[in-house]
Amino acid sequence: MKTFAVVDSENKGIIEAIRKYFGGNIPVLSKDAGFDGYDLIVLTGYDVSFHKPQNSRVINLHPALLPSFQGEDALKKAFLSGVKVSGVTVHEVEEDNFYGRIIAQYPVLIGLTTNFCDYVQEVEIIAQKLYPLVIDSIIKDGVFDFHHLLNRGCTSSQNGCGNCSHCSGC
């Protein structure tokens, strides 16, 4: 299994969600720390000034559906733009392109009566569920599958779910 570290940021909720998912023993490093020895560096909302270390894969979490609303204030930009669907994106950080290849995205709907605070809270909830699952897939050399995010804990004895009658097809 690959090793990874999280780069500290003001986004403490997502850092805590990652630590909780992985049992709490995850290194949280400063932005200026050395990243030698880690296969994966996990950013939690950095701007384009982050310099990708050599020999490590770097991923980031962005609070909008890329390629739209890049940069700072993505939540506010998306909400004020009038779009009805925004969301969360996990993407690669490349040397020449901070917003590199998209790994996973998940939508958040913005209804006519949705207020900004509710929208921000929904994005945070989705991010805290999505990011640890994507990280887990990467460090296990797997492919991220939305089944893991959407599975609500089917207790059927049928090994997961095959659209059984117990859970409406988790």
C-alpha atoms as a PDB file:
ATOM      1  CA  MET A   1       0.000   0.000   0.000  1.00  0.00           C
ATOM      2  CA  LYS A   2       1.164   3.508  -0.777  1.00  0.00           C
ATOM      3  CA  THR A   3       1.987   6.087   1.876  1.00  0.00           C
ATOM      4  CA  PHE A   4       0.362   9.492   2.000  1.00  0.00           C
ATOM      5  CA  ALA A   5       0.325  12.710   3.980  1.00  0.00           C
ATOM      6  CA  VAL A   6      -2.169  15.544   4.235  1.00  0.00           C
ATOM      7  CA  VAL A   7      -1.014  19.136   3.862  1.00  0.00           C
ATOM      8  CA  ASP A   8      -2.424  21.317   6.623  1.00  0.00           C
ATOM      9  CA  SER A   9      -4.857  24.105   5.775  1.00  0.00           C
ATOM     10  CA  GLU A  10      -7.729  26.063   7.267  1.00  0.00           C
ATOM     11  CA  ASN A  11     -10.070  23.308   6.081  1.00  0.00           C
ATOM     12  CA  LYS A  12      -9.999  21.417   9.392  1.00  0.00           C
ATOM     13  CA  GLY A  13     -13.280  19.592   8.731  1.00  0.00           C
ATOM     14  CA  ILE A  14     -11.927  17.713   5.729  1.00  0.00           C
ATOM     15  CA  ILE A  15      -8.642  16.975   7.502  1.00  0.00           C
ATOM     16  CA  GLU A  16     -10.565  15.521  10.435  1.00  0.00           C
ATOM     17  CA  ALA A  17     -12.749  13.454   8.066  1.00  0.00           C
ATOM     18  CA  ILE A  18      -9.618  11.987   6.439  1.00  0.00           C
ATOM     19  CA  ARG A  19      -8.026  11.222   9.808  1.00  0.00           C
ATOM     20  CA  LYS A  20     -11.232   9.621  11.086  1.00  0.00           C
ATOM     21  CA  TYR A  21     -11.624   7.480   7.964  1.00  0.00           C
ATOM     22  CA  PHE A  22      -8.034   6.207   8.202  1.00  0.00           C
ATOM     23  CA  GLY A  23      -7.952   5.769  11.976  1.00  0.00           C
ATOM     24  CA  GLY A  24      -6.243   9.007  12.997  1.00  0.00           C
ATOM     25  CA  ASN A  25      -2.615   8.094  12.278  1.00  0.00           C
ATOM     26  CA  ILE A  26      -2.209  10.246   9.185  1.00  0.00           C
ATOM     27  CA  PRO A  27       0.657  12.754   9.046  1.00  0.00           C
ATOM     28  CA  VAL A  28      -0.520  16.344   8.644  1.00  0.00           C
ATOM     29  CA  LEU A  29       2.361  18.427   7.285  1.00  0.00           C
ATOM     30  CA  SER A  30       2.850  22.139   6.779  1.00  0.00           C
ATOM     31  CA  LYS A  31       2.803  23.523   3.253  1.00  0.00           C
ATOM     32  CA  ASP A  32       6.563  24.061   3.422  1.00  0.00           C
ATOM     33  CA  ALA A  33       7.428  20.598   4.774  1.00  0.00           C
ATOM     34  CA  GLY A  34       9.526  18.073   2.942  1.00  0.00           C
ATOM     35  CA  PHE A  35       7.423  15.506   1.161  1.00  0.00           C
ATOM     36  CA  ASP A  36      10.076  12.865   0.546  1.00  0.00           C
ATOM     37  CA  GLY A  37       8.941   9.347   1.274  1.00  0.00           C
ATOM     38  CA  TYR A  38       5.267   9.875   0.484  1.00  0.00           C
ATOM     39  CA  ASP A  39       3.668   8.407  -2.608  1.00  0.00           C
ATOM     40  CA  LEU A  40       0.638  10.685  -2.366  1.00  0.00           C
ATOM     41  CA  ILE A  41       0.332  14.251  -1.104  1.00  0.00           C
ATOM     42  CA  VAL A  42      -3.231  15.262  -0.244  1.00  0.00           C
ATOM     43  CA  LEU A  43      -4.084  18.946  -0.433  1.00  0.00           C
ATOM     44  CA  THR A  44      -7.232  20.270   1.190  1.00  0.00           C
ATOM     45  CA  GLY A  45      -8.001  23.357  -0.824  1.00  0.00           C
ATOM     46  CA  TYR A  46      -4.754  25.067  -1.773  1.00  0.00           C
ATOM     47  CA  ASP A  47      -4.363  27.792  -4.320  1.00  0.00           C
ATOM     48  CA  VAL A  48      -2.179  27.614  -7.380  1.00  0.00           C
ATOM     49  CA  SER A  49       0.935  28.728  -5.457  1.00  0.00           C
ATOM     50  CA  PHE A  50       1.538  25.175  -4.186  1.00  0.00           C
ATOM     51  CA  HIS A  51       4.611  23.696  -5.856  1.00  0.00           C
ATOM     52  CA  LYS A  52       4.321  20.022  -6.687  1.00  0.00           C
ATOM     53  CA  PRO A  53       7.143  17.969  -5.187  1.00  0.00           C
ATOM     54  CA  GLN A  54       8.951  15.607  -7.522  1.00  0.00           C
ATOM     55  CA  ASN A  55       8.340  11.875  -7.182  1.00  0.00           C
ATOM     56  CA  SER A  56       4.947  12.281  -5.503  1.00  0.00           C
ATOM     57  CA  ARG A  57       1.434  12.288  -6.841  1.00  0.00           C
ATOM     58  CA  VAL A  58      -0.507  15.304  -5.598  1.00  0.00           C
ATOM     59  CA  ILE A  59      -4.286  15.612  -5.425  1.00  0.00           C
ATOM     60  CA  ASN A  60      -6.516  18.446  -4.310  1.00  0.00           C
ATOM     61  CA  LEU A  61     -10.124  19.007  -3.349  1.00  0.00           C
ATOM     62  CA  HIS A  62     -11.974  21.886  -5.028  1.00  0.00           C
ATOM     63  CA  PRO A  63     -15.424  23.132  -3.924  1.00  0.00           C
ATOM     64  CA  ALA A  64     -16.924  23.382  -7.421  1.00  0.00           C
ATOM     65  CA  LEU A  65     -17.307  21.257 -10.510  1.00  0.00           C
ATOM     66  CA  LEU A  66     -14.151  21.947 -12.461  1.00  0.00           C
ATOM     67  CA  PRO A  67     -13.364  23.306 -14.951  1.00  0.00           C
ATOM     68  CA  SER A  68     -15.866  25.949 -13.820  1.00  0.00           C
ATOM     69  CA  PHE A  69     -15.159  28.334 -10.956  1.00  0.00           C
ATOM     70  CA  GLN A  70     -11.428  27.832 -10.598  1.00  0.00           C
ATOM     71  CA  GLY A  71      -9.462  29.848  -8.071  1.00  0.00           C
ATOM     72  CA  GLU A  72     -10.448  31.415  -4.797  1.00  0.00           C
ATOM     73  CA  ASP A  73     -14.042  31.948  -3.684  1.00  0.00           C
ATOM     74  CA  ALA A  74     -15.312  29.079  -5.834  1.00  0.00           C
ATOM     75  CA  LEU A  75     -18.286  28.530  -3.539  1.00  0.00           C
ATOM     76  CA  LYS A  76     -19.372  32.148  -3.772  1.00  0.00           C
ATOM     77  CA  LYS A  77     -18.722  32.322  -7.520  1.00  0.00           C
ATOM     78  CA  ALA A  78     -20.817  29.220  -8.186  1.00  0.00           C
ATOM     79  CA  PHE A  79     -23.669  30.288  -5.908  1.00  0.00           C
ATOM     80  CA  LEU A  80     -23.889  33.823  -7.277  1.00  0.00           C
ATOM     81  CA  SER A  81     -23.564  32.723 -10.912  1.00  0.00           C
ATOM     82  CA  GLY A  82     -27.046  31.226 -10.991  1.00  0.00           C
ATOM     83  CA  VAL A  83     -25.990  27.654 -11.796  1.00  0.00           C
ATOM     84  CA  LYS A  84     -28.357  25.035 -10.449  1.00  0.00           C
ATOM     85  CA  VAL A  85     -25.703  22.338 -10.039  1.00  0.00           C
ATOM     86  CA  SER A  86     -22.269  22.807  -8.541  1.00  0.00           C
ATOM     87  CA  GLY A  87     -20.375  20.342  -6.385  1.00  0.00           C
ATOM     88  CA  VAL A  88     -17.015  18.960  -5.383  1.00  0.00           C
ATOM     89  CA  THR A  89     -14.051  17.943  -7.541  1.00  0.00           C
ATOM     90  CA  VAL A  90     -10.987  15.874  -6.667  1.00  0.00           C
ATOM     91  CA  HIS A  91      -8.232  16.609  -9.166  1.00  0.00           C
ATOM     92  CA  GLU A  92      -4.555  16.008  -9.868  1.00  0.00           C
ATOM     93  CA  VAL A  93      -2.068  18.803  -9.284  1.00  0.00           C
ATOM     94  CA  GLU A  94       0.495  18.822 -12.056  1.00  0.00           C
ATOM     95  CA  GLU A  95       3.714  20.795 -12.367  1.00  0.00           C
ATOM     96  CA  ASP A  96       2.437  22.929 -15.220  1.00  0.00           C
ATOM     97  CA  ASN A  97      -1.283  22.833 -14.395  1.00  0.00           C
ATOM     98  CA  PHE A  98      -2.637  23.161 -10.864  1.00  0.00           C
ATOM     99  CA  TYR A  99      -6.077  22.077 -12.056  1.00  0.00           C
ATOM    100  CA  GLY A 100      -4.946  18.862 -13.663  1.00  0.00           C
ATOM    101  CA  ARG A 101      -6.850  15.714 -14.538  1.00  0.00           C
ATOM    102  CA  ILE A 102     -10.198  15.310 -12.801  1.00  0.00           C
ATOM    103  CA  ILE A 103     -10.338  12.156 -10.674  1.00  0.00           C
ATOM    104  CA  ALA A 104     -13.857  12.399  -9.222  1.00  0.00           C
ATOM    105  CA  GLN A 105     -16.746  14.843  -9.025  1.00  0.00           C
ATOM    106  CA  TYR A 106     -19.991  14.843  -7.112  1.00  0.00           C
ATOM    107  CA  PRO A 107     -22.873  17.284  -7.633  1.00  0.00           C
ATOM    108  CA  VAL A 108     -24.617  19.552  -5.171  1.00  0.00           C
ATOM    109  CA  LEU A 109     -27.928  21.010  -6.293  1.00  0.00           C
ATOM    110  CA  ILE A 110     -28.701  24.691  -5.758  1.00  0.00           C
ATOM    111  CA  GLY A 111     -32.464  25.131  -5.557  1.00  0.00           C
ATOM    112  CA  LEU A 112     -34.466  28.324  -5.833  1.00  0.00           C
ATOM    113  CA  THR A 113     -34.810  28.508  -2.054  1.00  0.00           C
ATOM    114  CA  THR A 114     -31.296  27.315  -1.181  1.00  0.00           C
ATOM    115  CA  ASN A 115     -29.423  29.855   0.916  1.00  0.00           C
ATOM    116  CA  PHE A 116     -25.668  30.242   0.766  1.00  0.00           C
ATOM    117  CA  CYS A 117     -25.014  28.755   4.222  1.00  0.00           C
ATOM    118  CA  ASP A 118     -26.995  25.597   3.422  1.00  0.00           C
ATOM    119  CA  TYR A 119     -25.181  25.267   0.109  1.00  0.00           C
ATOM    120  CA  VAL A 120     -21.752  25.591   1.771  1.00  0.00           C
ATOM    121  CA  GLN A 121     -22.733  23.026   4.395  1.00  0.00           C
ATOM    122  CA  GLU A 122     -23.861  20.545   1.719  1.00  0.00           C
ATOM    123  CA  VAL A 123     -20.595  20.969  -0.203  1.00  0.00           C
ATOM    124  CA  GLU A 124     -18.632  20.331   3.005  1.00  0.00           C
ATOM    125  CA  ILE A 125     -20.651  17.191   3.785  1.00  0.00           C
ATOM    126  CA  ILE A 126     -20.086  15.801   0.297  1.00  0.00           C
ATOM    127  CA  ALA A 127     -16.372  16.669   0.406  1.00  0.00           C
ATOM    128  CA  GLN A 128     -15.940  14.903   3.748  1.00  0.00           C
ATOM    129  CA  LYS A 129     -17.534  11.752   2.334  1.00  0.00           C
ATOM    130  CA  LEU A 130     -15.946  11.818  -1.126  1.00  0.00           C
ATOM    131  CA  TYR A 131     -12.311  12.731  -0.458  1.00  0.00           C
ATOM    132  CA  PRO A 132     -11.381   9.901   1.938  1.00  0.00           C
ATOM    133  CA  LEU A 133     -12.895   7.328  -0.430  1.00  0.00           C
ATOM    134  CA  VAL A 134     -10.935   8.676  -3.389  1.00  0.00           C
ATOM    135  CA  ILE A 135      -7.720   8.738  -1.330  1.00  0.00           C
ATOM    136  CA  ASP A 136      -8.346   5.153  -0.232  1.00  0.00           C
ATOM    137  CA  SER A 137      -8.806   4.049  -3.848  1.00  0.00           C
ATOM    138  CA  ILE A 138      -5.568   5.744  -4.906  1.00  0.00           C
ATOM    139  CA  ILE A 139      -3.399   4.321  -2.132  1.00  0.00           C
ATOM    140  CA  LYS A 140      -4.752   0.838  -2.838  1.00  0.00           C
ATOM    141  CA  ASP A 141      -4.106   1.263  -6.587  1.00  0.00           C
ATOM    142  CA  GLY A 142      -7.810   0.884  -7.180  1.00  0.00           C
ATOM    143  CA  VAL A 143     -10.291   2.743  -9.262  1.00  0.00           C
ATOM    144  CA  PHE A 144     -12.720   4.997  -7.449  1.00  0.00           C
ATOM    145  CA  ASP A 145     -16.256   3.678  -7.710  1.00  0.00           C
ATOM    146  CA  PHE A 146     -19.253   5.791  -6.704  1.00  0.00           C
ATOM    147  CA  HIS A 147     -20.865   2.645  -5.310  1.00  0.00           C
ATOM    148  CA  HIS A 148     -18.727   3.212  -2.194  1.00  0.00           C
ATOM    149  CA  LEU A 149     -20.063   6.738  -1.750  1.00  0.00           C
ATOM    150  CA  LEU A 150     -23.658   5.859  -2.480  1.00  0.00           C
ATOM    151  CA  ASN A 151     -23.769   2.649  -0.420  1.00  0.00           C
ATOM    152  CA  ARG A 152     -25.863   3.404   2.623  1.00  0.00           C
ATOM    153  CA  GLY A 153     -24.952   0.249   4.491  1.00  0.00           C
ATOM    154  CA  CYS A 154     -27.068  -2.507   3.006  1.00  0.00           C
ATOM    155  CA  THR A 155     -27.354  -5.291   5.546  1.00  0.00           C
ATOM    156  CA  SER A 156     -28.483  -7.883   3.042  1.00  0.00           C
ATOM    157  CA  SER A 157     -26.628 -11.173   3.152  1.00  0.00           C
ATOM    158  CA  GLN A 158     -26.022 -10.903  -0.601  1.00  0.00           C
ATOM    159  CA  ASN A 159     -22.427  -9.549  -0.417  1.00  0.00           C
ATOM    160  CA  GLY A 160     -23.009  -5.904  -1.106  1.00  0.00           C
ATOM    161  CA  CYS A 161     -25.852  -5.043  -3.374  1.00  0.00           C
ATOM    162  CA  GLY A 162     -27.289  -6.303  -6.572  1.00  0.00           C
ATOM    163  CA  ASN A 163     -30.432  -4.203  -6.390  1.00  0.00           C
ATOM    164  CA  CYS A 164     -31.898  -6.469  -3.774  1.00  0.00           C
ATOM    165  CA  SER A 165     -35.243  -5.771  -2.152  1.00  0.00           C
ATOM    166  CA  HIS A 166     -33.626  -4.771   1.150  1.00  0.00           C
ATOM    167  CA  CYS A 167     -32.245  -1.353   0.288  1.00  0.00           C
ATOM    168  CA  SER A 168     -33.643   0.054  -2.966  1.00  0.00           C
ATOM    169  CA  GLY A 169     -30.379  -0.642  -4.757  1.00  0.00           C
ATOM    170  CA  CYS A 170     -27.660   0.925  -2.646  1.00  0.00           C
END
